[in-house]
Amino acid sequence: PYPPDPATPQLQALVTIDALGRKCPIPIIMLAEQIRDVPVGGVIAVLADDPAAYSDVPAWCRMKSHECVFRTDLPSGWSFGIRRRY
């Protein structure tokens, strides 16, 4: 068997927040409340389709010193991965 891709486990979301259909700032509020549910270094995913979330989630990460590790297009909206830094 091939060795596992080293990038994959680090980007595996431990918690997924489904904020599809919710208007900002609800996805950010949900993220702020639930980021403590993953250990430091862990990744939490946010699914959101409010256009404001496209820039608000990465901006919140910068403001709070967490890392936005991915933003993937979904059929409607995006999936964001946020690595907890503290």
PDB file of N, CA and C in Angstrom:
ATOM      1  N   PRO A   1       0.827  -1.210   0.000  1.00  0.00           N
ATOM      2  CA  PRO A   1       0.000   0.000   0.000  1.00  0.00           C
ATOM      3  C   PRO A   1       0.860   1.258   0.000  1.00  0.00           C
ATOM      4  N   TYR A   2       0.319   2.298  -0.571  1.00  0.00           N
ATOM      5  CA  TYR A   2       1.017   3.582  -0.633  1.00  0.00           C
ATOM      6  C   TYR A   2       0.942   4.258   0.722  1.00  0.00           C
ATOM      7  N   PRO A   3       1.957   5.034   1.067  1.00  0.00           N
ATOM      8  CA  PRO A   3       1.847   5.801   2.319  1.00  0.00           C
ATOM      9  C   PRO A   3       0.728   6.833   2.189  1.00  0.00           C
ATOM     10  N   PRO A   4       0.056   7.146   3.285  1.00  0.00           N
ATOM     11  CA  PRO A   4      -1.023   8.143   3.196  1.00  0.00           C
ATOM     12  C   PRO A   4      -0.469   9.506   2.820  1.00  0.00           C
ATOM     13  N   ASP A   5      -1.293  10.289   2.168  1.00  0.00           N
ATOM     14  CA  ASP A   5      -0.926  11.656   1.812  1.00  0.00           C
ATOM     15  C   ASP A   5      -0.741  12.446   3.107  1.00  0.00           C
ATOM     16  N   PRO A   6       0.443  13.013   3.349  1.00  0.00           N
ATOM     17  CA  PRO A   6       0.665  13.693   4.630  1.00  0.00           C
ATOM     18  C   PRO A   6      -0.238  14.904   4.848  1.00  0.00           C
ATOM     19  N   ALA A   7      -0.746  15.498   3.785  1.00  0.00           N
ATOM     20  CA  ALA A   7      -1.583  16.699   3.952  1.00  0.00           C
ATOM     21  C   ALA A   7      -3.002  16.343   4.392  1.00  0.00           C
ATOM     22  N   THR A   8      -3.446  15.140   4.060  1.00  0.00           N
ATOM     23  CA  THR A   8      -4.847  14.799   4.290  1.00  0.00           C
ATOM     24  C   THR A   8      -5.248  14.824   5.763  1.00  0.00           C
ATOM     25  N   PRO A   9      -4.535  14.132   6.677  1.00  0.00           N
ATOM     26  CA  PRO A   9      -5.021  14.126   8.058  1.00  0.00           C
ATOM     27  C   PRO A   9      -5.057  15.512   8.686  1.00  0.00           C
ATOM     28  N   GLN A  10      -4.145  16.387   8.309  1.00  0.00           N
ATOM     29  CA  GLN A  10      -4.108  17.718   8.918  1.00  0.00           C
ATOM     30  C   GLN A  10      -5.294  18.571   8.486  1.00  0.00           C
ATOM     31  N   LEU A  11      -5.904  18.248   7.358  1.00  0.00           N
ATOM     32  CA  LEU A  11      -7.034  19.037   6.876  1.00  0.00           C
ATOM     33  C   LEU A  11      -8.367  18.356   7.160  1.00  0.00           C
ATOM     34  N   GLN A  12      -8.329  17.229   7.845  1.00  0.00           N
ATOM     35  CA  GLN A  12      -9.557  16.507   8.191  1.00  0.00           C
ATOM     36  C   GLN A  12     -10.297  17.298   9.270  1.00  0.00           C
ATOM     37  N   ALA A  13     -11.513  17.717   8.952  1.00  0.00           N
ATOM     38  CA  ALA A  13     -12.295  18.489   9.924  1.00  0.00           C
ATOM     39  C   ALA A  13     -12.801  17.574  11.027  1.00  0.00           C
ATOM     40  N   LEU A  14     -12.606  17.991  12.257  1.00  0.00           N
ATOM     41  CA  LEU A  14     -13.080  17.234  13.411  1.00  0.00           C
ATOM     42  C   LEU A  14     -14.534  17.570  13.730  1.00  0.00           C
ATOM     43  N   VAL A  15     -14.943  18.787  13.391  1.00  0.00           N
ATOM     44  CA  VAL A  15     -16.319  19.259  13.609  1.00  0.00           C
ATOM     45  C   VAL A  15     -16.741  19.988  12.348  1.00  0.00           C
ATOM     46  N   THR A  16     -17.986  19.806  11.909  1.00  0.00           N
ATOM     47  CA  THR A  16     -18.517  20.535  10.757  1.00  0.00           C
ATOM     48  C   THR A  16     -19.740  21.324  11.200  1.00  0.00           C
ATOM     49  N   ILE A  17     -19.727  22.616  10.900  1.00  0.00           N
ATOM     50  CA  ILE A  17     -20.845  23.514  11.192  1.00  0.00           C
ATOM     51  C   ILE A  17     -21.619  23.720   9.893  1.00  0.00           C
ATOM     52  N   ASP A  18     -22.881  23.360   9.884  1.00  0.00           N
ATOM     53  CA  ASP A  18     -23.712  23.565   8.698  1.00  0.00           C
ATOM     54  C   ASP A  18     -24.473  24.875   8.867  1.00  0.00           C
ATOM     55  N   ALA A  19     -23.945  25.924   8.249  1.00  0.00           N
ATOM     56  CA  ALA A  19     -24.590  27.238   8.306  1.00  0.00           C
ATOM     57  C   ALA A  19     -25.220  27.586   6.958  1.00  0.00           C
ATOM     58  N   LEU A  20     -25.453  26.583   6.122  1.00  0.00           N
ATOM     59  CA  LEU A  20     -26.097  26.831   4.827  1.00  0.00           C
ATOM     60  C   LEU A  20     -27.488  27.401   5.059  1.00  0.00           C
ATOM     61  N   GLY A  21     -27.802  28.459   4.311  1.00  0.00           N
ATOM     62  CA  GLY A  21     -29.099  29.113   4.453  1.00  0.00           C
ATOM     63  C   GLY A  21     -29.161  30.132   5.584  1.00  0.00           C
ATOM     64  N   ARG A  22     -28.088  30.266   6.334  1.00  0.00           N
ATOM     65  CA  ARG A  22     -28.059  31.234   7.446  1.00  0.00           C
ATOM     66  C   ARG A  22     -27.353  32.505   6.973  1.00  0.00           C
ATOM     67  N   LYS A  23     -27.906  33.636   7.334  1.00  0.00           N
ATOM     68  CA  LYS A  23     -27.323  34.919   6.931  1.00  0.00           C
ATOM     69  C   LYS A  23     -26.257  35.355   7.924  1.00  0.00           C
ATOM     70  N   CYS A  24     -25.249  36.069   7.414  1.00  0.00           N
ATOM     71  CA  CYS A  24     -24.231  36.630   8.304  1.00  0.00           C
ATOM     72  C   CYS A  24     -24.916  37.597   9.248  1.00  0.00           C
ATOM     73  N   PRO A  25     -24.482  37.633  10.495  1.00  0.00           N
ATOM     74  CA  PRO A  25     -23.247  37.060  11.040  1.00  0.00           C
ATOM     75  C   PRO A  25     -23.405  35.676  11.651  1.00  0.00           C
ATOM     76  N   ILE A  26     -24.523  34.971  11.400  1.00  0.00           N
ATOM     77  CA  ILE A  26     -24.773  33.690  12.070  1.00  0.00           C
ATOM     78  C   ILE A  26     -23.645  32.677  11.835  1.00  0.00           C
ATOM     79  N   PRO A  27     -23.129  32.498  10.593  1.00  0.00           N
ATOM     80  CA  PRO A  27     -22.033  31.522  10.442  1.00  0.00           C
ATOM     81  C   PRO A  27     -20.811  31.853  11.307  1.00  0.00           C
ATOM     82  N   ILE A  28     -20.489  33.126  11.437  1.00  0.00           N
ATOM     83  CA  ILE A  28     -19.343  33.537  12.268  1.00  0.00           C
ATOM     84  C   ILE A  28     -19.643  33.295  13.743  1.00  0.00           C
ATOM     85  N   ILE A  29     -20.862  33.585  14.164  1.00  0.00           N
ATOM     86  CA  ILE A  29     -21.241  33.352  15.560  1.00  0.00           C
ATOM     87  C   ILE A  29     -21.163  31.857  15.872  1.00  0.00           C
ATOM     88  N   MET A  30     -21.665  31.029  14.964  1.00  0.00           N
ATOM     89  CA  MET A  30     -21.610  29.579  15.167  1.00  0.00           C
ATOM     90  C   MET A  30     -20.157  29.102  15.253  1.00  0.00           C
ATOM     91  N   LEU A  31     -19.307  29.643  14.379  1.00  0.00           N
ATOM     92  CA  LEU A  31     -17.885  29.282  14.396  1.00  0.00           C
ATOM     93  C   LEU A  31     -17.242  29.700  15.716  1.00  0.00           C
ATOM     94  N   ALA A  32     -17.498  30.929  16.154  1.00  0.00           N
ATOM     95  CA  ALA A  32     -16.902  31.429  17.398  1.00  0.00           C
ATOM     96  C   ALA A  32     -17.326  30.585  18.594  1.00  0.00           C
ATOM     97  N   GLU A  33     -18.581  30.126  18.586  1.00  0.00           N
ATOM     98  CA  GLU A  33     -19.081  29.316  19.702  1.00  0.00           C
ATOM     99  C   GLU A  33     -18.503  27.903  19.695  1.00  0.00           C
ATOM    100  N   GLN A  34     -18.241  27.363  18.498  1.00  0.00           N
ATOM    101  CA  GLN A  34     -17.890  25.949  18.413  1.00  0.00           C
ATOM    102  C   GLN A  34     -16.405  25.677  18.194  1.00  0.00           C
ATOM    103  N   ILE A  35     -15.590  26.692  17.943  1.00  0.00           N
ATOM    104  CA  ILE A  35     -14.172  26.426  17.702  1.00  0.00           C
ATOM    105  C   ILE A  35     -13.528  25.783  18.928  1.00  0.00           C
ATOM    106  N   ARG A  36     -14.077  26.048  20.108  1.00  0.00           N
ATOM    107  CA  ARG A  36     -13.535  25.422  21.325  1.00  0.00           C
ATOM    108  C   ARG A  36     -13.814  23.922  21.372  1.00  0.00           C
ATOM    109  N   ASP A  37     -14.662  23.435  20.465  1.00  0.00           N
ATOM    110  CA  ASP A  37     -14.984  22.005  20.432  1.00  0.00           C
ATOM    111  C   ASP A  37     -13.903  21.172  19.744  1.00  0.00           C
ATOM    112  N   VAL A  38     -12.918  21.832  19.135  1.00  0.00           N
ATOM    113  CA  VAL A  38     -11.803  21.091  18.528  1.00  0.00           C
ATOM    114  C   VAL A  38     -10.531  21.424  19.301  1.00  0.00           C
ATOM    115  N   PRO A  39      -9.587  20.483  19.383  1.00  0.00           N
ATOM    116  CA  PRO A  39      -8.342  20.768  20.102  1.00  0.00           C
ATOM    117  C   PRO A  39      -7.481  21.770  19.342  1.00  0.00           C
ATOM    118  N   VAL A  40      -6.582  22.425  20.046  1.00  0.00           N
ATOM    119  CA  VAL A  40      -5.624  23.324  19.392  1.00  0.00           C
ATOM    120  C   VAL A  40      -4.892  22.515  18.317  1.00  0.00           C
ATOM    121  N   GLY A  41      -4.800  23.089  17.113  1.00  0.00           N
ATOM    122  CA  GLY A  41      -4.194  22.390  15.982  1.00  0.00           C
ATOM    123  C   GLY A  41      -5.206  21.633  15.145  1.00  0.00           C
ATOM    124  N   GLY A  42      -6.418  21.445  15.680  1.00  0.00           N
ATOM    125  CA  GLY A  42      -7.469  20.749  14.952  1.00  0.00           C
ATOM    126  C   GLY A  42      -8.159  21.672  13.961  1.00  0.00           C
ATOM    127  N   VAL A  43      -8.901  21.067  13.036  1.00  0.00           N
ATOM    128  CA  VAL A  43      -9.597  21.820  11.988  1.00  0.00           C
ATOM    129  C   VAL A  43     -11.099  21.690  12.189  1.00  0.00           C
ATOM    130  N   ILE A  44     -11.783  22.823  12.099  1.00  0.00           N
ATOM    131  CA  ILE A  44     -13.243  22.869  12.130  1.00  0.00           C
ATOM    132  C   ILE A  44     -13.699  23.363  10.761  1.00  0.00           C
ATOM    133  N   ALA A  45     -14.740  22.757  10.217  1.00  0.00           N
ATOM    134  CA  ALA A  45     -15.256  23.151   8.903  1.00  0.00           C
ATOM    135  C   ALA A  45     -16.531  23.955   9.081  1.00  0.00           C
ATOM    136  N   VAL A  46     -16.711  24.925   8.192  1.00  0.00           N
ATOM    137  CA  VAL A  46     -17.943  25.717   8.167  1.00  0.00           C
ATOM    138  C   VAL A  46     -18.494  25.651   6.751  1.00  0.00           C
ATOM    139  N   LEU A  47     -19.749  25.240   6.628  1.00  0.00           N
ATOM    140  CA  LEU A  47     -20.446  25.266   5.345  1.00  0.00           C
ATOM    141  C   LEU A  47     -21.338  26.493   5.355  1.00  0.00           C
ATOM    142  N   ALA A  48     -21.167  27.369   4.367  1.00  0.00           N
ATOM    143  CA  ALA A  48     -21.940  28.616   4.332  1.00  0.00           C
ATOM    144  C   ALA A  48     -22.211  29.012   2.888  1.00  0.00           C
ATOM    145  N   ASP A  49     -23.375  29.637   2.667  1.00  0.00           N
ATOM    146  CA  ASP A  49     -23.713  30.099   1.318  1.00  0.00           C
ATOM    147  C   ASP A  49     -24.077  31.578   1.271  1.00  0.00           C
ATOM    148  N   ASP A  50     -24.006  32.272   2.397  1.00  0.00           N
ATOM    149  CA  ASP A  50     -24.218  33.718   2.386  1.00  0.00           C
ATOM    150  C   ASP A  50     -22.995  34.350   1.719  1.00  0.00           C
ATOM    151  N   PRO A  51     -23.191  35.188   0.678  1.00  0.00           N
ATOM    152  CA  PRO A  51     -22.029  35.779  -0.009  1.00  0.00           C
ATOM    153  C   PRO A  51     -21.053  36.479   0.931  1.00  0.00           C
ATOM    154  N   ALA A  52     -21.540  37.052   2.027  1.00  0.00           N
ATOM    155  CA  ALA A  52     -20.648  37.740   2.963  1.00  0.00           C
ATOM    156  C   ALA A  52     -19.664  36.767   3.615  1.00  0.00           C
ATOM    157  N   ALA A  53     -20.053  35.505   3.760  1.00  0.00           N
ATOM    158  CA  ALA A  53     -19.188  34.520   4.416  1.00  0.00           C
ATOM    159  C   ALA A  53     -17.900  34.299   3.633  1.00  0.00           C
ATOM    160  N   TYR A  54     -17.952  34.477   2.305  1.00  0.00           N
ATOM    161  CA  TYR A  54     -16.772  34.244   1.461  1.00  0.00           C
ATOM    162  C   TYR A  54     -15.568  35.034   1.960  1.00  0.00           C
ATOM    163  N   SER A  55     -15.786  36.269   2.366  1.00  0.00           N
ATOM    164  CA  SER A  55     -14.688  37.095   2.890  1.00  0.00           C
ATOM    165  C   SER A  55     -14.706  37.184   4.413  1.00  0.00           C
ATOM    166  N   ASP A  56     -15.887  37.042   5.036  1.00  0.00           N
ATOM    167  CA  ASP A  56     -15.981  37.197   6.492  1.00  0.00           C
ATOM    168  C   ASP A  56     -15.288  36.071   7.257  1.00  0.00           C
ATOM    169  N   VAL A  57     -15.394  34.828   6.784  1.00  0.00           N
ATOM    170  CA  VAL A  57     -14.773  33.717   7.518  1.00  0.00           C
ATOM    171  C   VAL A  57     -13.251  33.872   7.523  1.00  0.00           C
ATOM    172  N   PRO A  58     -12.594  34.071   6.360  1.00  0.00           N
ATOM    173  CA  PRO A  58     -11.136  34.286   6.417  1.00  0.00           C
ATOM    174  C   PRO A  58     -10.750  35.530   7.223  1.00  0.00           C
ATOM    175  N   ALA A  59     -11.547  36.595   7.150  1.00  0.00           N
ATOM    176  CA  ALA A  59     -11.241  37.811   7.917  1.00  0.00           C
ATOM    177  C   ALA A  59     -11.339  37.536   9.416  1.00  0.00           C
ATOM    178  N   TRP A  60     -12.358  36.771   9.838  1.00  0.00           N
ATOM    179  CA  TRP A  60     -12.488  36.412  11.251  1.00  0.00           C
ATOM    180  C   TRP A  60     -11.270  35.604  11.704  1.00  0.00           C
ATOM    181  N   CYS A  61     -10.813  34.687  10.839  1.00  0.00           N
ATOM    182  CA  CYS A  61      -9.632  33.877  11.172  1.00  0.00           C
ATOM    183  C   CYS A  61      -8.418  34.774  11.415  1.00  0.00           C
ATOM    184  N   ARG A  62      -8.198  35.738  10.539  1.00  0.00           N
ATOM    185  CA  ARG A  62      -7.064  36.656  10.709  1.00  0.00           C
ATOM    186  C   ARG A  62      -7.211  37.470  11.995  1.00  0.00           C
ATOM    187  N   MET A  63      -8.409  37.976  12.232  1.00  0.00           N
ATOM    188  CA  MET A  63      -8.661  38.809  13.404  1.00  0.00           C
ATOM    189  C   MET A  63      -8.445  38.024  14.701  1.00  0.00           C
ATOM    190  N   LYS A  64      -8.809  36.751  14.702  1.00  0.00           N
ATOM    191  CA  LYS A  64      -8.725  35.909  15.905  1.00  0.00           C
ATOM    192  C   LYS A  64      -7.456  35.056  15.938  1.00  0.00           C
ATOM    193  N   SER A  65      -6.558  35.241  14.963  1.00  0.00           N
ATOM    194  CA  SER A  65      -5.287  34.506  14.896  1.00  0.00           C
ATOM    195  C   SER A  65      -5.470  33.002  14.733  1.00  0.00           C
ATOM    196  N   HIS A  66      -6.525  32.593  14.032  1.00  0.00           N
ATOM    197  CA  HIS A  66      -6.681  31.207  13.618  1.00  0.00           C
ATOM    198  C   HIS A  66      -6.301  31.153  12.140  1.00  0.00           C
ATOM    199  N   GLU A  67      -6.207  29.968  11.571  1.00  0.00           N
ATOM    200  CA  GLU A  67      -5.736  29.833  10.188  1.00  0.00           C
ATOM    201  C   GLU A  67      -6.841  29.256   9.310  1.00  0.00           C
ATOM    202  N   CYS A  68      -7.175  29.970   8.243  1.00  0.00           N
ATOM    203  CA  CYS A  68      -8.118  29.443   7.250  1.00  0.00           C
ATOM    204  C   CYS A  68      -7.291  28.570   6.307  1.00  0.00           C
ATOM    205  N   VAL A  69      -7.440  27.245   6.419  1.00  0.00           N
ATOM    206  CA  VAL A  69      -6.577  26.325   5.682  1.00  0.00           C
ATOM    207  C   VAL A  69      -7.151  25.916   4.339  1.00  0.00           C
ATOM    208  N   PHE A  70      -8.467  26.080   4.155  1.00  0.00           N
ATOM    209  CA  PHE A  70      -9.036  25.856   2.827  1.00  0.00           C
ATOM    210  C   PHE A  70     -10.369  26.563   2.690  1.00  0.00           C
ATOM    211  N   ARG A  71     -10.699  26.863   1.438  1.00  0.00           N
ATOM    212  CA  ARG A  71     -12.023  27.392   1.066  1.00  0.00           C
ATOM    213  C   ARG A  71     -12.359  26.700  -0.246  1.00  0.00           C
ATOM    214  N   THR A  72     -13.341  25.817  -0.207  1.00  0.00           N
ATOM    215  CA  THR A  72     -13.697  24.995  -1.353  1.00  0.00           C
ATOM    216  C   THR A  72     -15.098  25.362  -1.825  1.00  0.00           C
ATOM    217  N   ASP A  73     -15.258  25.472  -3.132  1.00  0.00           N
ATOM    218  CA  ASP A  73     -16.584  25.750  -3.685  1.00  0.00           C
ATOM    219  C   ASP A  73     -17.492  24.533  -3.519  1.00  0.00           C
ATOM    220  N   LEU A  74     -18.727  24.787  -3.119  1.00  0.00           N
ATOM    221  CA  LEU A  74     -19.773  23.772  -3.075  1.00  0.00           C
ATOM    222  C   LEU A  74     -20.772  24.095  -4.180  1.00  0.00           C
ATOM    223  N   PRO A  75     -21.699  23.179  -4.505  1.00  0.00           N
ATOM    224  CA  PRO A  75     -22.717  23.513  -5.520  1.00  0.00           C
ATOM    225  C   PRO A  75     -23.444  24.819  -5.185  1.00  0.00           C
ATOM    226  N   SER A  76     -23.653  25.061  -3.879  1.00  0.00           N
ATOM    227  CA  SER A  76     -24.210  26.331  -3.435  1.00  0.00           C
ATOM    228  C   SER A  76     -23.435  26.756  -2.195  1.00  0.00           C
ATOM    229  N   GLY A  77     -22.531  27.689  -2.351  1.00  0.00           N
ATOM    230  CA  GLY A  77     -21.761  28.186  -1.218  1.00  0.00           C
ATOM    231  C   GLY A  77     -20.357  27.612  -1.165  1.00  0.00           C
ATOM    232  N   TRP A  78     -19.810  27.535   0.060  1.00  0.00           N
ATOM    233  CA  TRP A  78     -18.414  27.143   0.250  1.00  0.00           C
ATOM    234  C   TRP A  78     -18.256  26.299   1.494  1.00  0.00           C
ATOM    235  N   SER A  79     -17.171  25.565   1.518  1.00  0.00           N
ATOM    236  CA  SER A  79     -16.739  24.869   2.720  1.00  0.00           C
ATOM    237  C   SER A  79     -15.422  25.506   3.133  1.00  0.00           C
ATOM    238  N   PHE A  80     -15.348  25.960   4.366  1.00  0.00           N
ATOM    239  CA  PHE A  80     -14.133  26.579   4.902  1.00  0.00           C
ATOM    240  C   PHE A  80     -13.539  25.642   5.944  1.00  0.00           C
ATOM    241  N   GLY A  81     -12.226  25.573   5.977  1.00  0.00           N
ATOM    242  CA  GLY A  81     -11.547  24.832   7.034  1.00  0.00           C
ATOM    243  C   GLY A  81     -10.725  25.803   7.872  1.00  0.00           C
ATOM    244  N   ILE A  82     -10.932  25.786   9.172  1.00  0.00           N
ATOM    245  CA  ILE A  82     -10.254  26.707  10.076  1.00  0.00           C
ATOM    246  C   ILE A  82      -9.458  25.892  11.082  1.00  0.00           C
ATOM    247  N   ARG A  83      -8.149  26.145  11.132  1.00  0.00           N
ATOM    248  CA  ARG A  83      -7.301  25.463  12.112  1.00  0.00           C
ATOM    249  C   ARG A  83      -7.249  26.305  13.385  1.00  0.00           C
ATOM    250  N   ARG A  84      -7.593  25.684  14.498  1.00  0.00           N
ATOM    251  CA  ARG A  84      -7.555  26.372  15.791  1.00  0.00           C
ATOM    252  C   ARG A  84      -6.100  26.544  16.200  1.00  0.00           C
ATOM    253  N   ARG A  85      -5.721  27.773  16.542  1.00  0.00           N
ATOM    254  CA  ARG A  85      -4.332  28.092  16.882  1.00  0.00           C
ATOM    255  C   ARG A  85      -4.078  28.259  18.382  1.00  0.00           C
ATOM    256  N   TYR A  86      -5.116  28.403  19.186  1.00  0.00           N
ATOM    257  CA  TYR A  86      -4.918  28.560  20.637  1.00  0.00           C
ATOM    258  C   TYR A  86      -6.138  28.087  21.371  1.00  0.00           C
TER     259      TYR A  86
END
